[in-house]
């Protein structure tokens, strides 16, 4: 059997209602990564070390769970590197994105995806009703969510350019 046959069957059998149900799930019901935070006066170096240590693409900036900014890998590439050799010792607040778009845990996956596409974001902080951060919805979160919903066609897909898997899974 060709590796893409299972995927094609899944596509043929999928109905729009199935997609709607998946995309209408609330963000608070997903296994979102715990928000990693730093204080505005922490150094850029400390923020990057925290991102690397937790293997995440962003840290939230704020005090006591209230988000005032976000600092991402993109900020490192577009702002920090261009700021010169002492940039790593400057406060992360100098390079963060202030007042980032945040969503509530009761918002839907479809709202997060729309915000990410429209705004060009890779990470969106998710807040509870008090305004405290409860997680970060990012592209990795979304890919994991879709993979959990449909593991077989995704995890068993052949590599690009190959029409069949080189070996059966588990062989």
Foldseek 3Di string as FASTA:
>chain_A
DWLQPVVVVCVVPDDVVVVVVLQFDFQLPAPFDFAAEDEQFAFQLVQVVSCVVVVHFKHFYDPPQAGFFIDGPVLCVPPQVVPDDCRRGGGCNVRTGGPDAAAERRGTNNVVVVCCVVVVHQWHFYAYPVRGTGHIDGPVSVVVSVCVVPVRSVVRHDPPPGGHHPDDPPD
